[in-house]
N, C-alpha and C. Protein backbone atom coordinates (compact mmCIF):
# COMPACT_ATOMS: atom_id res chain seq x y z
N UNK A 1 107.68 111.37 177.87
CA UNK A 1 108.55 112.47 178.26
C UNK A 1 109.03 113.17 176.98
N UNK A 2 108.98 114.46 177.01
CA UNK A 2 109.39 115.20 175.82
C UNK A 2 110.90 115.25 175.70
N UNK A 3 111.33 115.57 174.53
CA UNK A 3 112.76 115.69 174.26
C UNK A 3 113.40 116.78 175.14
N UNK A 4 112.66 117.87 175.32
CA UNK A 4 113.15 118.97 176.15
C UNK A 4 113.34 118.52 177.60
N UNK A 5 112.36 117.79 178.14
CA UNK A 5 112.46 117.30 179.51
C UNK A 5 113.66 116.36 179.65
N UNK A 6 113.85 115.50 178.67
CA UNK A 6 114.99 114.58 178.70
C UNK A 6 116.30 115.34 178.70
N UNK A 7 116.39 116.38 177.89
CA UNK A 7 117.60 117.20 177.84
C UNK A 7 117.85 117.87 179.18
N UNK A 8 116.80 118.39 179.81
CA UNK A 8 116.95 119.02 181.12
C UNK A 8 117.40 118.00 182.17
N UNK A 9 116.82 116.82 182.15
CA UNK A 9 117.21 115.78 183.11
C UNK A 9 118.68 115.42 182.92
N UNK A 10 119.10 115.27 181.68
CA UNK A 10 120.51 114.94 181.40
C UNK A 10 121.44 116.06 181.87
N UNK A 11 121.03 117.30 181.66
CA UNK A 11 121.84 118.45 182.07
C UNK A 11 121.95 118.52 183.59
N UNK A 12 120.84 118.31 184.29
CA UNK A 12 120.87 118.33 185.75
C UNK A 12 121.69 117.16 186.30
N UNK A 13 121.57 116.00 185.69
CA UNK A 13 122.37 114.84 186.11
C UNK A 13 123.85 115.12 185.95
N UNK A 14 124.21 115.76 184.86
CA UNK A 14 125.61 116.13 184.63
C UNK A 14 126.09 117.11 185.69
N UNK A 15 125.24 118.04 186.06
CA UNK A 15 125.58 118.99 187.12
C UNK A 15 125.79 118.31 188.46
N UNK A 16 125.03 117.26 188.71
CA UNK A 16 125.22 116.48 189.95
C UNK A 16 126.56 115.76 189.92
N UNK A 17 126.86 115.12 188.79
CA UNK A 17 128.11 114.36 188.67
C UNK A 17 129.33 115.25 188.83
N UNK A 18 129.23 116.50 188.38
CA UNK A 18 130.36 117.43 188.50
C UNK A 18 130.42 118.09 189.87
N UNK A 19 129.40 117.85 190.72
CA UNK A 19 129.41 118.41 192.07
C UNK A 19 128.82 119.80 192.18
N UNK A 20 128.30 120.33 191.10
CA UNK A 20 127.71 121.67 191.13
C UNK A 20 126.31 121.64 191.76
N UNK A 21 125.56 120.58 191.45
CA UNK A 21 124.20 120.46 191.97
C UNK A 21 124.15 119.44 193.10
N UNK A 22 123.20 119.62 193.97
CA UNK A 22 123.02 118.73 195.13
C UNK A 22 122.82 117.29 194.69
N UNK A 23 123.42 116.37 195.43
CA UNK A 23 123.30 114.95 195.09
C UNK A 23 121.95 114.37 195.50
N UNK A 24 121.26 115.03 196.43
CA UNK A 24 119.95 114.53 196.86
C UNK A 24 118.80 115.03 196.00
N UNK A 25 119.13 115.71 194.94
CA UNK A 25 118.15 116.25 194.02
C UNK A 25 117.79 115.19 192.96
N UNK A 26 116.52 114.86 192.84
CA UNK A 26 116.07 113.94 191.80
C UNK A 26 115.84 114.74 190.52
N UNK A 27 116.65 114.54 189.49
CA UNK A 27 116.52 115.34 188.26
C UNK A 27 115.10 115.40 187.69
N UNK A 28 114.34 114.30 187.64
CA UNK A 28 112.96 114.44 187.12
C UNK A 28 112.10 115.37 187.97
N UNK A 29 112.30 115.36 189.28
CA UNK A 29 111.56 116.27 190.15
C UNK A 29 111.98 117.72 189.91
N UNK A 30 113.27 117.94 189.74
CA UNK A 30 113.78 119.29 189.49
C UNK A 30 113.23 119.83 188.17
N UNK A 31 113.15 118.97 187.18
CA UNK A 31 112.59 119.37 185.88
C UNK A 31 111.12 119.73 186.03
N UNK A 32 110.38 118.94 186.79
CA UNK A 32 108.97 119.24 187.03
C UNK A 32 108.81 120.61 187.71
N UNK A 33 109.70 120.91 188.67
CA UNK A 33 109.66 122.21 189.34
C UNK A 33 109.95 123.35 188.38
N UNK A 34 110.96 123.18 187.53
CA UNK A 34 111.31 124.24 186.57
C UNK A 34 110.18 124.49 185.57
N UNK A 35 109.62 123.40 185.06
CA UNK A 35 108.53 123.56 184.09
C UNK A 35 107.31 124.18 184.76
N UNK A 36 107.00 123.77 185.98
CA UNK A 36 105.88 124.36 186.71
C UNK A 36 106.11 125.84 186.98
N UNK A 37 107.35 126.20 187.28
CA UNK A 37 107.69 127.60 187.51
C UNK A 37 107.38 128.43 186.26
N UNK A 38 107.82 127.95 185.12
CA UNK A 38 107.60 128.68 183.86
C UNK A 38 106.11 128.76 183.54
N UNK A 39 105.39 127.66 183.71
CA UNK A 39 103.95 127.67 183.44
C UNK A 39 103.22 128.62 184.38
N UNK A 40 103.57 128.57 185.65
CA UNK A 40 102.95 129.47 186.62
C UNK A 40 103.23 130.93 186.32
N UNK A 41 104.45 131.21 185.92
CA UNK A 41 104.82 132.57 185.55
C UNK A 41 103.99 133.06 184.36
N UNK A 42 103.85 132.19 183.36
CA UNK A 42 103.07 132.56 182.18
C UNK A 42 101.61 132.84 182.54
N UNK A 43 101.05 132.04 183.44
CA UNK A 43 99.66 132.25 183.87
C UNK A 43 99.53 133.57 184.63
N UNK A 44 100.48 133.81 185.57
CA UNK A 44 100.45 135.10 186.31
C UNK A 44 100.54 136.28 185.37
N UNK A 45 101.42 136.19 184.40
CA UNK A 45 101.64 137.28 183.45
C UNK A 45 100.38 137.52 182.62
N UNK A 46 99.79 136.43 182.15
CA UNK A 46 98.60 136.53 181.31
C UNK A 46 97.40 137.07 182.08
N UNK A 47 97.16 136.53 183.27
CA UNK A 47 96.01 136.96 184.06
C UNK A 47 96.23 138.33 184.70
N UNK A 48 97.50 138.71 184.86
CA UNK A 48 97.83 139.99 185.47
C UNK A 48 97.94 141.11 184.46
N UNK A 49 97.33 140.91 183.30
CA UNK A 49 97.31 141.91 182.23
C UNK A 49 98.71 142.33 181.81
N UNK A 50 99.64 141.37 181.89
CA UNK A 50 101.02 141.59 181.42
C UNK A 50 101.65 142.81 182.10
N UNK A 51 101.40 142.91 183.40
CA UNK A 51 101.80 144.10 184.16
C UNK A 51 103.27 144.08 184.58
N UNK A 52 104.00 143.02 184.26
CA UNK A 52 105.42 142.96 184.62
C UNK A 52 106.19 142.36 183.44
N UNK A 53 107.49 142.57 183.47
CA UNK A 53 108.34 142.05 182.41
C UNK A 53 108.48 140.54 182.57
N UNK A 54 108.00 139.81 181.61
CA UNK A 54 108.09 138.34 181.65
C UNK A 54 109.54 137.90 181.67
N UNK A 55 110.37 138.56 180.90
CA UNK A 55 111.79 138.20 180.83
C UNK A 55 112.51 138.46 182.16
N UNK A 56 112.29 139.61 182.74
CA UNK A 56 112.96 139.97 184.00
C UNK A 56 112.48 139.07 185.14
N UNK A 57 111.18 138.91 185.28
CA UNK A 57 110.63 138.09 186.36
C UNK A 57 111.00 136.62 186.16
N UNK A 58 110.97 136.16 184.93
CA UNK A 58 111.35 134.78 184.65
C UNK A 58 112.81 134.51 185.00
N UNK A 59 113.69 135.40 184.61
CA UNK A 59 115.12 135.24 184.92
C UNK A 59 115.35 135.24 186.42
N UNK A 60 114.64 136.12 187.13
CA UNK A 60 114.79 136.20 188.58
C UNK A 60 114.34 134.90 189.26
N UNK A 61 113.18 134.41 188.88
CA UNK A 61 112.65 133.20 189.51
C UNK A 61 113.45 131.95 189.15
N UNK A 62 113.86 131.83 187.90
CA UNK A 62 114.67 130.67 187.50
C UNK A 62 116.01 130.71 188.23
N UNK A 63 116.59 131.88 188.37
CA UNK A 63 117.86 132.00 189.10
C UNK A 63 117.70 131.55 190.55
N UNK A 64 116.60 131.95 191.17
CA UNK A 64 116.33 131.52 192.55
C UNK A 64 116.18 130.01 192.63
N UNK A 65 115.45 129.43 191.70
CA UNK A 65 115.22 127.99 191.72
C UNK A 65 116.52 127.23 191.49
N UNK A 66 117.32 127.65 190.53
CA UNK A 66 118.60 126.99 190.25
C UNK A 66 119.51 127.10 191.47
N UNK A 67 119.51 128.24 192.13
CA UNK A 67 120.34 128.41 193.33
C UNK A 67 119.96 127.39 194.40
N UNK A 68 118.69 127.09 194.50
CA UNK A 68 118.24 126.09 195.48
C UNK A 68 118.68 124.68 195.10
N UNK A 69 118.93 124.45 193.83
CA UNK A 69 119.40 123.15 193.35
C UNK A 69 120.90 122.98 193.57
N UNK A 70 121.60 124.07 193.77
CA UNK A 70 123.07 124.02 193.82
C UNK A 70 123.59 123.39 195.10
N UNK A 71 124.75 122.76 194.96
CA UNK A 71 125.42 122.12 196.09
C UNK A 71 125.74 123.16 197.17
N UNK A 72 126.24 124.30 196.75
CA UNK A 72 126.50 125.42 197.65
C UNK A 72 125.56 126.53 197.20
N UNK A 73 124.60 126.86 198.03
CA UNK A 73 123.57 127.80 197.67
C UNK A 73 124.11 129.25 197.75
N UNK A 74 124.22 129.93 196.60
CA UNK A 74 124.73 131.31 196.62
C UNK A 74 123.77 132.29 197.27
N UNK A 75 122.51 131.89 197.46
CA UNK A 75 121.54 132.77 198.11
C UNK A 75 121.65 132.75 199.62
N UNK A 76 122.33 131.72 200.14
CA UNK A 76 122.49 131.58 201.59
C UNK A 76 123.54 132.57 202.09
N UNK A 77 123.23 133.23 203.15
CA UNK A 77 124.18 134.18 203.72
C UNK A 77 125.20 133.44 204.58
N UNK A 78 126.42 133.87 204.48
CA UNK A 78 127.47 133.26 205.29
C UNK A 78 127.25 133.56 206.77
N UNK A 79 127.56 132.59 207.61
CA UNK A 79 127.37 132.81 209.05
C UNK A 79 128.69 132.98 209.74
């Protein structure tokens, strides 16, 4: 496991302990999802002839993924 992955796991674990992130979230799985998201984005950008802003699209997708990790999902509409 890389140092970066370990740091992400520790950060996500801390978020769980503070109640910000869902308790049913396995930090190693969440890290795998985040890293896969970034790798997939880079492949799309590269194969798509860099037709979109990597920074803008990356921020949007990471924000969506983090929201799904949260205890209270800000993307969910109130009923």
